[in-house]
Amino acid sequence: MINPFIQVLIFLINTIFDIYILLLMLRFLLTLMRVGFRNDPVLQLLLKLTNPPLHILYSFIPGWKNIDIAAIILMLTLKIVEWTLVKSLWGKALSLSGLIILSAANIISLMIYVFIFSIFIQVILDWVSPRDGYNPISNILYYLNEPLLRPARDWIKPLQGYGFDFSPFIVTMGLYIINILIVGFLLQAV
């Protein structure tokens, strides 16, 4: 049985690291999907929160095409530090290769769940408030999710006359399957 104070400390470590890693993941994905940051106050805040460590890394870690390599390295490093702290508080140790694989599995899983939740939120917003008017969150979600939803929409056309689109369901199922397979195999390697 773990001491309750240790449990609280582990909870705080996980929460602080995971929130910042989530912000980095959002920045990474929005950059990857070529969402413009200039005109949106929410995205400007995201940039301000994630810029300090990335600004340092950009000076010696270049991006490749549209992929922010510095953000990937920072997320992996933060996850390794988080797991090292948590495992040391639990009194358990992992090898460096085990920490890297566990951290990579967590980062991949986080990326998949960001897409799953963003698709879910987009579907709810589309039901509540159609895309006719300007909604900055809805626009961000559209630009983030459309590269995933468009191929599914081309494969299975929306039901004409009913306005029901199966692409979010298909993509979400595919993302869950990818998460189970890729993350499952990575976690077996630890």
C-alpha atoms as a PDB file:
ATOM      1  CA  MET A   1       0.000   0.000   0.000  1.00  0.00           C
ATOM      2  CA  ILE A   2       1.368   3.388  -1.020  1.00  0.00           C
ATOM      3  CA  ASN A   3       1.470   6.247   1.450  1.00  0.00           C
ATOM      4  CA  PRO A   4      -1.405   8.732   0.764  1.00  0.00           C
ATOM      5  CA  PHE A   5       1.080  11.629   0.612  1.00  0.00           C
ATOM      6  CA  ILE A   6       3.045   9.774  -2.069  1.00  0.00           C
ATOM      7  CA  GLN A   7      -0.220   9.176  -3.968  1.00  0.00           C
ATOM      8  CA  VAL A   8      -0.994  12.910  -3.834  1.00  0.00           C
ATOM      9  CA  LEU A   9       2.520  13.725  -5.050  1.00  0.00           C
ATOM     10  CA  ILE A  10       2.217  11.219  -7.905  1.00  0.00           C
ATOM     11  CA  PHE A  11      -1.174  12.701  -8.820  1.00  0.00           C
ATOM     12  CA  LEU A  12       0.284  16.230  -8.898  1.00  0.00           C
ATOM     13  CA  ILE A  13       3.304  15.156 -10.957  1.00  0.00           C
ATOM     14  CA  ASN A  14       1.086  13.328 -13.460  1.00  0.00           C
ATOM     15  CA  THR A  15      -1.360  16.221 -13.707  1.00  0.00           C
ATOM     16  CA  ILE A  16       1.238  18.956 -14.221  1.00  0.00           C
ATOM     17  CA  PHE A  17       3.288  16.996 -16.759  1.00  0.00           C
ATOM     18  CA  ASP A  18       0.252  15.642 -18.622  1.00  0.00           C
ATOM     19  CA  ILE A  19      -1.400  19.063 -18.999  1.00  0.00           C
ATOM     20  CA  TYR A  20       1.756  20.583 -20.453  1.00  0.00           C
ATOM     21  CA  ILE A  21       2.359  17.581 -22.711  1.00  0.00           C
ATOM     22  CA  LEU A  22      -1.255  17.910 -23.907  1.00  0.00           C
ATOM     23  CA  LEU A  23      -0.640  21.573 -24.772  1.00  0.00           C
ATOM     24  CA  LEU A  24       2.499  20.580 -26.686  1.00  0.00           C
ATOM     25  CA  MET A  25       0.557  17.831 -28.466  1.00  0.00           C
ATOM     26  CA  LEU A  26      -2.153  20.285 -29.513  1.00  0.00           C
ATOM     27  CA  ARG A  27       0.473  22.668 -30.856  1.00  0.00           C
ATOM     28  CA  PHE A  28       2.211  19.812 -32.679  1.00  0.00           C
ATOM     29  CA  LEU A  29      -1.025  18.546 -34.271  1.00  0.00           C
ATOM     30  CA  LEU A  30      -2.302  22.000 -35.223  1.00  0.00           C
ATOM     31  CA  THR A  31       1.061  22.778 -36.838  1.00  0.00           C
ATOM     32  CA  LEU A  32       1.026  19.415 -38.606  1.00  0.00           C
ATOM     33  CA  MET A  33      -2.482  20.088 -39.949  1.00  0.00           C
ATOM     34  CA  ARG A  34      -1.412  23.623 -40.978  1.00  0.00           C
ATOM     35  CA  VAL A  35      -3.881  25.480 -38.799  1.00  0.00           C
ATOM     36  CA  GLY A  36      -3.070  29.199 -38.712  1.00  0.00           C
ATOM     37  CA  PHE A  37      -2.258  30.546 -35.252  1.00  0.00           C
ATOM     38  CA  ARG A  38      -2.241  34.274 -36.017  1.00  0.00           C
ATOM     39  CA  ASN A  39      -5.881  35.316 -35.826  1.00  0.00           C
ATOM     40  CA  ASP A  40      -7.174  33.127 -33.021  1.00  0.00           C
ATOM     41  CA  PRO A  41      -6.757  34.239 -29.380  1.00  0.00           C
ATOM     42  CA  VAL A  42      -7.034  30.657 -28.078  1.00  0.00           C
ATOM     43  CA  LEU A  43      -4.213  29.532 -30.360  1.00  0.00           C
ATOM     44  CA  GLN A  44      -2.163  32.609 -29.447  1.00  0.00           C
ATOM     45  CA  LEU A  45      -2.423  31.550 -25.800  1.00  0.00           C
ATOM     46  CA  LEU A  46      -1.331  28.032 -26.765  1.00  0.00           C
ATOM     47  CA  LEU A  47       1.713  29.508 -28.512  1.00  0.00           C
ATOM     48  CA  LYS A  48       2.611  31.675 -25.512  1.00  0.00           C
ATOM     49  CA  LEU A  49       2.387  28.710 -23.127  1.00  0.00           C
ATOM     50  CA  THR A  50       4.468  26.360 -25.261  1.00  0.00           C
ATOM     51  CA  ASN A  51       6.975  28.788 -26.805  1.00  0.00           C
ATOM     52  CA  PRO A  52       9.562  29.146 -23.995  1.00  0.00           C
ATOM     53  CA  PRO A  53      11.059  25.619 -24.102  1.00  0.00           C
ATOM     54  CA  LEU A  54      10.422  25.154 -27.823  1.00  0.00           C
ATOM     55  CA  HIS A  55      12.095  28.452 -28.697  1.00  0.00           C
ATOM     56  CA  ILE A  56      15.306  27.121 -27.133  1.00  0.00           C
ATOM     57  CA  LEU A  57      15.014  23.766 -28.929  1.00  0.00           C
ATOM     58  CA  TYR A  58      14.302  25.367 -32.315  1.00  0.00           C
ATOM     59  CA  SER A  59      17.775  26.920 -32.304  1.00  0.00           C
ATOM     60  CA  PHE A  60      19.400  23.481 -32.692  1.00  0.00           C
ATOM     61  CA  ILE A  61      16.597  21.053 -33.657  1.00  0.00           C
ATOM     62  CA  PRO A  62      15.172  21.879 -37.077  1.00  0.00           C
ATOM     63  CA  GLY A  63      11.741  20.830 -38.235  1.00  0.00           C
ATOM     64  CA  TRP A  64      11.283  18.470 -41.128  1.00  0.00           C
ATOM     65  CA  LYS A  65       8.669  19.388 -43.720  1.00  0.00           C
ATOM     66  CA  ASN A  66       5.605  20.175 -41.565  1.00  0.00           C
ATOM     67  CA  ILE A  67       6.703  18.043 -38.608  1.00  0.00           C
ATOM     68  CA  ASP A  68       7.804  19.831 -35.430  1.00  0.00           C
ATOM     69  CA  ILE A  69      10.673  17.553 -34.344  1.00  0.00           C
ATOM     70  CA  ALA A  70      11.487  19.782 -31.351  1.00  0.00           C
ATOM     71  CA  ALA A  71       7.942  19.364 -29.988  1.00  0.00           C
ATOM     72  CA  ILE A  72       8.194  15.571 -30.341  1.00  0.00           C
ATOM     73  CA  ILE A  73      11.533  15.495 -28.520  1.00  0.00           C
ATOM     74  CA  LEU A  74      10.227  17.796 -25.779  1.00  0.00           C
ATOM     75  CA  MET A  75       7.089  15.675 -25.276  1.00  0.00           C
ATOM     76  CA  LEU A  76       9.155  12.475 -25.080  1.00  0.00           C
ATOM     77  CA  THR A  77      11.647  14.057 -22.696  1.00  0.00           C
ATOM     78  CA  LEU A  78       8.915  15.382 -20.411  1.00  0.00           C
ATOM     79  CA  LYS A  79       7.180  11.995 -20.418  1.00  0.00           C
ATOM     80  CA  ILE A  80      10.453  10.224 -19.563  1.00  0.00           C
ATOM     81  CA  VAL A  81      11.044  12.658 -16.681  1.00  0.00           C
ATOM     82  CA  GLU A  82       7.448  12.170 -15.496  1.00  0.00           C
ATOM     83  CA  TRP A  83       7.752   8.356 -15.556  1.00  0.00           C
ATOM     84  CA  THR A  84      11.149   8.503 -13.851  1.00  0.00           C
ATOM     85  CA  LEU A  85       9.736  10.617 -11.018  1.00  0.00           C
ATOM     86  CA  VAL A  86       6.612   8.469 -10.638  1.00  0.00           C
ATOM     87  CA  LYS A  87       8.499   5.175 -10.762  1.00  0.00           C
ATOM     88  CA  SER A  88      11.033   6.429  -8.206  1.00  0.00           C
ATOM     89  CA  LEU A  89       8.191   7.402  -5.852  1.00  0.00           C
ATOM     90  CA  TRP A  90       6.680   3.941  -6.311  1.00  0.00           C
ATOM     91  CA  GLY A  91      10.057   2.408  -5.582  1.00  0.00           C
ATOM     92  CA  LYS A  92      10.239   0.754  -8.990  1.00  0.00           C
ATOM     93  CA  ALA A  93      12.784   1.264 -11.713  1.00  0.00           C
ATOM     94  CA  LEU A  94      12.684   0.893 -15.473  1.00  0.00           C
ATOM     95  CA  SER A  95      15.574   0.690 -17.891  1.00  0.00           C
ATOM     96  CA  LEU A  96      16.183   3.661 -20.172  1.00  0.00           C
ATOM     97  CA  SER A  97      14.874   1.681 -23.141  1.00  0.00           C
ATOM     98  CA  GLY A  98      11.772   0.744 -21.109  1.00  0.00           C
ATOM     99  CA  LEU A  99      11.210   4.415 -20.218  1.00  0.00           C
ATOM    100  CA  ILE A 100      11.569   5.479 -23.849  1.00  0.00           C
ATOM    101  CA  ILE A 101       9.167   2.799 -25.116  1.00  0.00           C
ATOM    102  CA  LEU A 102       6.627   3.524 -22.346  1.00  0.00           C
ATOM    103  CA  SER A 103       6.878   7.262 -23.016  1.00  0.00           C
ATOM    104  CA  ALA A 104       6.501   6.803 -26.780  1.00  0.00           C
ATOM    105  CA  ALA A 105       3.444   4.584 -26.224  1.00  0.00           C
ATOM    106  CA  ASN A 106       1.899   7.237 -23.961  1.00  0.00           C
ATOM    107  CA  ILE A 107       2.584  10.019 -26.480  1.00  0.00           C
ATOM    108  CA  ILE A 108       1.076   8.022 -29.364  1.00  0.00           C
ATOM    109  CA  SER A 109      -1.945   7.155 -27.239  1.00  0.00           C
ATOM    110  CA  LEU A 110      -2.371  10.812 -26.262  1.00  0.00           C
ATOM    111  CA  MET A 111      -2.264  11.860 -29.907  1.00  0.00           C
ATOM    112  CA  ILE A 112      -4.923   9.307 -30.812  1.00  0.00           C
ATOM    113  CA  TYR A 113      -7.158  10.370 -27.922  1.00  0.00           C
ATOM    114  CA  VAL A 114      -6.780  14.047 -28.860  1.00  0.00           C
ATOM    115  CA  PHE A 115      -8.200  13.175 -32.270  1.00  0.00           C
ATOM    116  CA  ILE A 116     -10.964  10.999 -30.786  1.00  0.00           C
ATOM    117  CA  PHE A 117     -12.102  13.692 -28.352  1.00  0.00           C
ATOM    118  CA  SER A 118     -11.782  16.476 -30.905  1.00  0.00           C
ATOM    119  CA  ILE A 119     -13.965  14.506 -33.339  1.00  0.00           C
ATOM    120  CA  PHE A 120     -16.485  13.865 -30.556  1.00  0.00           C
ATOM    121  CA  ILE A 121     -16.564  17.566 -29.618  1.00  0.00           C
ATOM    122  CA  GLN A 122     -16.861  18.572 -33.277  1.00  0.00           C
ATOM    123  CA  VAL A 123     -19.849  16.258 -33.763  1.00  0.00           C
ATOM    124  CA  ILE A 124     -21.590  17.721 -30.706  1.00  0.00           C
ATOM    125  CA  LEU A 125     -20.861  21.296 -31.815  1.00  0.00           C
ATOM    126  CA  ASP A 126     -22.163  20.525 -35.314  1.00  0.00           C
ATOM    127  CA  TRP A 127     -25.419  19.246 -33.829  1.00  0.00           C
ATOM    128  CA  VAL A 128     -25.803  22.197 -31.484  1.00  0.00           C
ATOM    129  CA  SER A 129     -24.456  24.951 -33.717  1.00  0.00           C
ATOM    130  CA  PRO A 130     -24.055  24.259 -37.443  1.00  0.00           C
ATOM    131  CA  ARG A 131     -20.981  25.653 -39.218  1.00  0.00           C
ATOM    132  CA  ASP A 132     -22.974  28.530 -40.739  1.00  0.00           C
ATOM    133  CA  GLY A 133     -21.745  31.081 -38.188  1.00  0.00           C
ATOM    134  CA  TYR A 134     -18.241  31.817 -36.962  1.00  0.00           C
ATOM    135  CA  ASN A 135     -17.127  29.752 -34.008  1.00  0.00           C
ATOM    136  CA  PRO A 136     -13.349  29.715 -33.418  1.00  0.00           C
ATOM    137  CA  ILE A 137     -13.346  26.361 -31.602  1.00  0.00           C
ATOM    138  CA  SER A 138     -15.464  24.767 -34.311  1.00  0.00           C
ATOM    139  CA  ASN A 139     -13.117  26.098 -36.994  1.00  0.00           C
ATOM    140  CA  ILE A 140     -10.033  24.778 -35.178  1.00  0.00           C
ATOM    141  CA  LEU A 141     -11.655  21.359 -34.783  1.00  0.00           C
ATOM    142  CA  TYR A 142     -12.655  21.356 -38.442  1.00  0.00           C
ATOM    143  CA  TYR A 143      -9.099  22.041 -39.621  1.00  0.00           C
ATOM    144  CA  LEU A 144      -7.687  19.503 -37.174  1.00  0.00           C
ATOM    145  CA  ASN A 145     -10.119  16.688 -38.002  1.00  0.00           C
ATOM    146  CA  GLU A 146     -10.898  17.215 -41.678  1.00  0.00           C
ATOM    147  CA  PRO A 147      -7.740  15.445 -42.971  1.00  0.00           C
ATOM    148  CA  LEU A 148      -8.917  12.321 -41.107  1.00  0.00           C
ATOM    149  CA  LEU A 149     -12.635  12.650 -41.834  1.00  0.00           C
ATOM    150  CA  ARG A 150     -12.411  13.501 -45.540  1.00  0.00           C
ATOM    151  CA  PRO A 151     -11.097  10.078 -46.713  1.00  0.00           C
ATOM    152  CA  ALA A 152     -13.761   8.287 -44.650  1.00  0.00           C
ATOM    153  CA  ARG A 153     -16.417  10.635 -46.037  1.00  0.00           C
ATOM    154  CA  ASP A 154     -15.224   9.887 -49.572  1.00  0.00           C
ATOM    155  CA  TRP A 155     -15.339   6.164 -48.841  1.00  0.00           C
ATOM    156  CA  ILE A 156     -18.839   6.176 -47.292  1.00  0.00           C
ATOM    157  CA  LYS A 157     -20.940   9.076 -48.471  1.00  0.00           C
ATOM    158  CA  PRO A 158     -23.216  10.877 -45.973  1.00  0.00           C
ATOM    159  CA  LEU A 159     -26.857   9.809 -46.150  1.00  0.00           C
ATOM    160  CA  GLN A 160     -28.517  12.191 -48.578  1.00  0.00           C
ATOM    161  CA  GLY A 161     -31.559  13.964 -47.209  1.00  0.00           C
ATOM    162  CA  TYR A 162     -30.894  12.869 -43.633  1.00  0.00           C
ATOM    163  CA  GLY A 163     -27.728  14.863 -43.020  1.00  0.00           C
ATOM    164  CA  PHE A 164     -26.114  11.981 -41.151  1.00  0.00           C
ATOM    165  CA  ASP A 165     -22.394  11.508 -41.666  1.00  0.00           C
ATOM    166  CA  PHE A 166     -20.833   8.184 -40.646  1.00  0.00           C
ATOM    167  CA  SER A 167     -17.232   9.388 -41.107  1.00  0.00           C
ATOM    168  CA  PRO A 168     -16.719  10.442 -37.441  1.00  0.00           C
ATOM    169  CA  PHE A 169     -17.875   6.996 -36.304  1.00  0.00           C
ATOM    170  CA  ILE A 170     -15.630   5.186 -38.799  1.00  0.00           C
ATOM    171  CA  VAL A 171     -12.565   7.317 -38.013  1.00  0.00           C
ATOM    172  CA  THR A 172     -13.115   6.976 -34.255  1.00  0.00           C
ATOM    173  CA  MET A 173     -13.340   3.195 -34.536  1.00  0.00           C
ATOM    174  CA  GLY A 174     -10.193   3.156 -36.677  1.00  0.00           C
ATOM    175  CA  LEU A 175      -8.348   5.312 -34.146  1.00  0.00           C
ATOM    176  CA  TYR A 176      -9.356   3.004 -31.284  1.00  0.00           C
ATOM    177  CA  ILE A 177      -8.117  -0.012 -33.257  1.00  0.00           C
ATOM    178  CA  ILE A 178      -4.822   1.733 -34.061  1.00  0.00           C
ATOM    179  CA  ASN A 179      -4.431   2.638 -30.388  1.00  0.00           C
ATOM    180  CA  ILE A 180      -5.040  -0.940 -29.277  1.00  0.00           C
ATOM    181  CA  LEU A 181      -2.614  -2.393 -31.825  1.00  0.00           C
ATOM    182  CA  ILE A 182       0.286   0.069 -31.814  1.00  0.00           C
ATOM    183  CA  VAL A 183       0.248   0.994 -28.135  1.00  0.00           C
ATOM    184  CA  GLY A 184      -0.464  -2.581 -27.132  1.00  0.00           C
ATOM    185  CA  PHE A 185       2.559  -3.889 -29.031  1.00  0.00           C
ATOM    186  CA  LEU A 186       4.767  -1.118 -27.620  1.00  0.00           C
ATOM    187  CA  LEU A 187       3.655  -1.821 -24.067  1.00  0.00           C
ATOM    188  CA  GLN A 188       4.348  -5.537 -24.528  1.00  0.00           C
ATOM    189  CA  ALA A 189       7.938  -4.610 -25.354  1.00  0.00           C
ATOM    190  CA  VAL A 190       8.397  -3.019 -21.933  1.00  0.00           C
END
